Protein backbone atom coordinates (compact mmCIF):
# COMPACT_ATOMS: atom_id res chain seq x y z
CA UNK A 1 21.24 2.84 3.00
CA UNK A 2 23.89 1.34 4.92
CA UNK A 3 21.98 -0.48 7.37
CA UNK A 4 20.20 -3.17 4.83
CA UNK A 5 23.81 -4.55 4.13
CA UNK A 6 24.94 -4.67 7.63
CA UNK A 7 21.95 -6.94 8.35
CA UNK A 8 22.59 -8.35 5.44
CA UNK A 9 26.04 -9.50 6.52
CA UNK A 10 24.99 -10.47 9.73
CA UNK A 11 22.33 -12.81 8.38
CA UNK A 12 24.60 -14.43 5.80
CA UNK A 13 26.97 -15.22 8.82
CA UNK A 14 24.61 -17.16 10.68
CA UNK A 15 26.78 -19.79 12.20
CA UNK A 16 27.86 -17.18 14.50
CA UNK A 17 24.71 -15.99 15.78
CA UNK A 18 22.67 -17.70 18.13
CA UNK A 19 18.76 -18.77 16.74
CA UNK A 20 17.43 -16.20 18.72
CA UNK A 21 19.28 -13.47 17.29
CA UNK A 22 18.99 -14.67 14.01
CA UNK A 23 15.41 -14.39 14.06
CA UNK A 24 15.47 -11.17 15.81
CA UNK A 25 17.55 -9.82 13.21
CA UNK A 26 15.39 -11.35 10.45
CA UNK A 27 12.35 -9.68 11.78
CA UNK A 28 13.71 -5.99 12.34
CA UNK A 29 15.10 -5.98 8.93
CA UNK A 30 11.35 -7.14 7.73
CA UNK A 31 9.88 -4.24 9.73
CA UNK A 32 12.60 -2.02 8.27
CA UNK A 33 11.98 -2.66 4.71
CA UNK A 34 8.28 -2.29 5.32
CA UNK A 35 8.21 0.97 7.31
CA UNK A 36 10.70 2.35 4.52
CA UNK A 37 7.60 1.48 1.95
CA UNK A 38 4.75 2.60 3.96
CA UNK A 39 6.56 5.86 5.05
CA UNK A 40 7.17 6.97 1.51
CA UNK A 41 3.94 5.82 0.13
CA UNK A 42 2.09 7.53 2.97
CA UNK A 43 4.14 10.94 3.27
CA UNK A 44 6.09 11.53 -0.10
CA UNK A 45 9.67 10.79 1.32
CA UNK A 46 12.29 9.54 -0.86
CA UNK A 47 12.75 6.19 -0.27
CA UNK A 48 16.28 5.72 1.83
CA UNK A 49 17.18 1.99 0.52
CA UNK A 50 17.27 1.55 -3.35
CA UNK A 51 15.41 -1.22 -5.09
CA UNK A 52 18.04 -2.96 -5.98
CA UNK A 53 19.13 -3.48 -2.33
CA UNK A 54 15.84 -4.21 -1.40
CA UNK A 55 15.55 -6.88 -3.97
CA UNK A 56 18.75 -8.44 -2.85
CA UNK A 57 17.45 -8.58 0.64
CA UNK A 58 14.10 -10.28 0.25
CA UNK A 59 16.10 -12.56 -2.08
CA UNK A 60 15.97 -14.87 1.31
CA UNK A 61 17.34 -13.42 4.32
CA UNK A 62 14.53 -10.60 4.74
CA UNK A 63 10.87 -11.76 4.47
CA UNK A 64 8.35 -9.02 4.91
CA UNK A 65 5.54 -11.36 4.18
CA UNK A 66 6.38 -12.99 7.65
CA UNK A 67 5.90 -9.83 9.50
CA UNK A 68 2.68 -8.19 7.26
CA UNK A 69 1.17 -11.07 4.98
CA UNK A 70 1.92 -9.15 2.23
CA UNK A 71 4.14 -10.54 -0.43
CA UNK A 72 7.60 -9.21 -0.66
CA UNK A 73 7.20 -8.32 -4.31
CA UNK A 74 4.67 -5.97 -3.88
CA UNK A 75 6.37 -4.16 -0.70
CA UNK A 76 9.02 -3.36 -3.51
CA UNK A 77 6.65 -2.10 -6.06
CA UNK A 78 5.29 0.12 -3.47
CA UNK A 79 8.93 1.19 -2.95
CA UNK A 80 9.08 1.62 -6.44
CA UNK A 81 6.31 3.83 -6.91
CA UNK A 82 7.36 6.20 -4.30
CA UNK A 83 10.68 6.50 -5.98
CA UNK A 84 8.89 7.01 -9.55
CA UNK A 85 6.96 9.58 -7.51
CA UNK A 86 10.14 11.65 -6.83
CA UNK A 87 11.29 11.04 -10.18
CA UNK A 88 7.90 12.55 -11.90
CA UNK A 89 8.09 15.66 -9.86
CA UNK A 90 11.82 16.14 -11.38
CA UNK A 91 11.41 15.13 -15.10
CA UNK A 92 7.74 15.47 -15.63
CA UNK A 93 4.89 13.20 -16.54
CA UNK A 94 6.22 12.76 -20.34
CA UNK A 95 9.21 11.28 -20.10
CA UNK A 96 9.25 7.91 -22.08
CA UNK A 97 11.65 5.93 -19.54
CA UNK A 98 9.41 6.88 -16.66
CA UNK A 99 6.55 5.79 -18.73
CA UNK A 100 8.08 2.21 -19.11
CA UNK A 101 8.59 2.28 -15.80
CA UNK A 102 4.99 2.87 -14.71
CA UNK A 103 3.85 0.37 -17.05
CA UNK A 104 6.34 -2.49 -15.76
CA UNK A 105 5.05 -2.00 -12.20
CA UNK A 106 1.29 -1.96 -13.48
CA UNK A 107 2.06 -5.23 -15.03
CA UNK A 108 3.36 -6.79 -11.82
CA UNK A 109 1.03 -5.66 -9.51
CA UNK A 110 -2.08 -6.79 -12.27
CA UNK A 111 -0.28 -10.14 -11.68
CA UNK A 112 -0.82 -10.30 -8.32
CA UNK A 113 -4.37 -8.88 -7.99
CA UNK A 114 -5.25 -12.00 -10.83
CA UNK A 115 -3.41 -14.69 -8.93
CA UNK A 116 -6.46 -14.50 -6.28
CA UNK A 117 -8.99 -15.36 -8.98
CA UNK A 118 -12.68 -13.70 -9.42
CA UNK A 119 -14.32 -16.58 -7.37
CA UNK A 120 -14.60 -15.26 -4.00
CA UNK A 121 -16.53 -18.17 -2.53
CA UNK A 122 -13.80 -20.41 -2.59
CA UNK A 123 -11.66 -20.75 0.56
CA UNK A 124 -8.77 -18.10 0.21
CA UNK A 125 -5.56 -18.08 2.18
CA UNK A 126 -5.47 -14.62 4.06
CA UNK A 127 -2.03 -13.86 3.06
CA UNK A 128 -3.14 -13.84 -0.33
CA UNK A 129 -6.16 -11.23 0.40
CA UNK A 130 -3.94 -9.05 2.32
CA UNK A 131 -1.55 -8.95 -0.40
CA UNK A 132 -4.37 -8.35 -2.84
CA UNK A 133 -5.45 -5.40 -0.85
CA UNK A 134 -2.26 -4.00 -0.85
CA UNK A 135 -1.67 -4.48 -4.53
CA UNK A 136 -4.75 -3.19 -5.82
CA UNK A 137 -4.25 -0.02 -3.14
CA UNK A 138 -0.79 -0.03 -5.03
CA UNK A 139 -2.50 0.09 -8.36
CA UNK A 140 -4.66 2.87 -7.29
CA UNK A 141 -1.40 4.88 -5.98
CA UNK A 142 0.88 4.24 -9.03
CA UNK A 143 -1.99 5.42 -11.44
CA UNK A 144 -2.65 8.78 -9.18
CA UNK A 145 1.53 9.05 -9.34
CA UNK A 146 1.79 8.16 -12.92
CA UNK A 147 -1.26 10.00 -14.47
CA UNK A 148 -2.16 12.73 -12.59
CA UNK A 149 -5.89 11.62 -12.93
CA UNK A 150 -5.53 13.53 -16.42
CA UNK A 151 -7.75 11.09 -18.44
CA UNK A 152 -10.86 9.09 -18.08
CA UNK A 153 -9.37 5.82 -18.67
CA UNK A 154 -7.02 6.25 -15.61
CA UNK A 155 -10.15 6.98 -13.99
CA UNK A 156 -11.75 4.02 -14.95
CA UNK A 157 -9.08 1.88 -13.75
CA UNK A 158 -8.66 3.38 -10.45
CA UNK A 159 -12.81 2.74 -10.20
CA UNK A 160 -11.91 -1.14 -11.07
CA UNK A 161 -8.85 -1.23 -8.54
CA UNK A 162 -11.09 -0.15 -5.85
CA UNK A 163 -13.52 -2.50 -6.41
CA UNK A 164 -10.79 -5.39 -6.24
CA UNK A 165 -9.51 -4.03 -2.87
CA UNK A 166 -12.87 -4.05 -1.37
CA UNK A 167 -13.46 -7.58 -2.24
CA UNK A 168 -10.33 -8.59 -0.74
CA UNK A 169 -10.85 -6.40 2.11
CA UNK A 170 -14.09 -7.62 2.65
CA UNK A 171 -13.19 -11.32 2.17
CA UNK A 172 -11.16 -10.80 5.55
CA UNK A 173 -12.84 -12.00 8.36
CA UNK A 174 -10.03 -11.53 11.01
CA UNK A 175 -10.76 -8.27 12.45
CA UNK A 176 -7.56 -8.02 14.21
CA UNK A 177 -6.38 -8.35 10.94
CA UNK A 178 -8.11 -6.19 9.02
CA UNK A 179 -7.57 -3.42 11.63
CA UNK A 180 -3.68 -3.32 10.83
CA UNK A 181 -4.63 -2.79 7.07
CA UNK A 182 -4.59 1.17 7.37
CA UNK A 183 -2.57 1.84 4.15
CA UNK A 184 -4.59 -0.02 1.62
CA UNK A 185 -7.74 0.86 3.45
CA UNK A 186 -6.98 4.45 3.21
CA UNK A 187 -6.22 4.84 -0.28
CA UNK A 188 -8.99 2.23 -1.22
CA UNK A 189 -11.31 4.67 0.83
CA UNK A 190 -10.13 7.69 -0.39
CA UNK A 191 -10.67 6.78 -3.93
CA UNK A 192 -14.00 5.29 -3.50
CA UNK A 193 -16.88 6.69 -5.44
CA UNK A 194 -20.77 5.95 -5.36
CA UNK A 195 -21.62 2.64 -4.17
CA UNK A 196 -18.23 1.83 -3.43
CA UNK A 197 -18.17 4.58 -0.31
CA UNK A 198 -21.03 2.63 1.00
CA UNK A 199 -19.12 -0.41 0.98
CA UNK A 200 -16.18 1.20 2.94
CA UNK A 201 -18.38 2.59 5.65
CA UNK A 202 -19.50 -1.38 6.16
CA UNK A 203 -15.53 -2.19 6.83
CA UNK A 204 -15.34 0.40 9.29
CA UNK A 205 -18.65 -0.79 11.18
CA UNK A 206 -17.22 -3.88 10.95
CA UNK A 207 -14.43 -2.89 12.90
CA UNK A 208 -15.82 -1.06 16.07
CA UNK A 209 -15.77 -3.41 18.50
CA UNK A 210 -11.91 -3.73 17.81
CA UNK A 211 -10.12 -2.80 20.81
CA UNK A 212 -9.74 1.11 20.87
CA UNK A 213 -5.90 0.87 20.92
CA UNK A 214 -5.92 -0.95 17.92
CA UNK A 215 -7.68 1.90 16.08
CA UNK A 216 -5.59 4.92 16.56
CA UNK A 217 -4.26 4.74 13.13
CA UNK A 218 -7.53 3.51 11.94
CA UNK A 219 -9.46 6.11 13.10
CA UNK A 220 -7.03 8.85 11.64
CA UNK A 221 -7.65 7.00 8.45
CA UNK A 222 -11.45 7.40 8.74
CA UNK A 223 -10.86 10.98 8.88
CA UNK A 224 -8.38 11.22 5.91
CA UNK A 225 -11.07 9.17 3.73
CA UNK A 226 -14.03 11.24 4.89
CA UNK A 227 -12.22 14.57 4.75
CA UNK A 228 -11.34 13.32 1.05
CA UNK A 229 -15.52 12.70 0.41
CA UNK A 230 -16.04 16.20 1.85
CA UNK A 231 -13.89 17.98 -0.12
CA UNK A 232 -15.05 16.30 -3.31
CA UNK A 233 -18.59 16.86 -2.70
CA UNK A 234 -17.77 20.65 -2.04
CA UNK A 235 -15.95 20.83 -5.14
CA UNK A 236 -18.33 18.88 -7.23
CA UNK A 237 -15.64 16.52 -7.77
CA UNK A 238 -17.49 13.42 -8.59
CA UNK A 239 -14.88 12.06 -10.81
CA UNK A 240 -12.44 11.37 -8.19
CA UNK A 241 -9.78 13.72 -8.97
CA UNK A 242 -9.56 14.53 -5.13
CA UNK A 243 -6.88 12.18 -3.66
CA UNK A 244 -5.50 11.55 0.00
CA UNK A 245 -2.83 13.70 -0.62
CA UNK A 246 -5.36 16.81 -0.27
CA UNK A 247 -7.16 15.30 2.22
CA UNK A 248 -4.14 15.37 4.21
CA UNK A 249 -3.13 18.62 3.73
CA UNK A 250 -6.71 20.09 4.29
CA UNK A 251 -6.77 18.18 7.81
CA UNK A 252 -3.41 19.47 8.41
CA UNK A 253 -2.09 15.80 8.92
CA UNK A 254 1.16 14.03 7.53
CA UNK A 255 1.06 10.52 9.09
CA UNK A 256 2.55 6.78 8.64
CA UNK A 257 -0.71 4.86 7.42
CA UNK A 258 0.50 1.56 9.56
């Protein structure tokens, strides 16, 4: 809670810092914000930095996109969903204020997925593809958190978000970059159904030749996805009500998906 303001003060007094020191502060600040987002989204932890603090941090002195290729506003949305998850557990799904928050986050994420457009044949910036993959996965995460998968409409929304994420992931031709996208691949893969599962298998096949050290987390990601599919099949749960949460519990895993 106090670390980001301290880093902000240091960055605002950059005249007193060497260029190397300043760039180092910016880099480590971005990493801290990023790990705050994905640690909470992966394990259900409570975000330690409030959204207001993050928005201030990302207002100029911390640029998460330079470290992750995912736009900073999408990172904030992931943190907001993690915080919303905690509040819903405390207050229930029927709270109007929380419902309004979920709707706002969904609109903001939808804007990000639409900015890329539907034409996958045109040249698209890698940062835009990575951002779309994370934004689509975040929408899946939001649907699970905010709806509890209690309606057919939400399940259809998840199916659409899975497809949008797969389109972005399949368009990333740099396998070194693709192999770092553990969180969106895991969230997308776990909620994939029917033909989407075959597309996810193709993504993993494409990464087979990536250096083994880079696939440590990705290998665990694959196991979580496969366990989610297995649980769904065993439970005859064709409508995707089993999630990565149940798969991790079944495997006895609680890992940071980075």
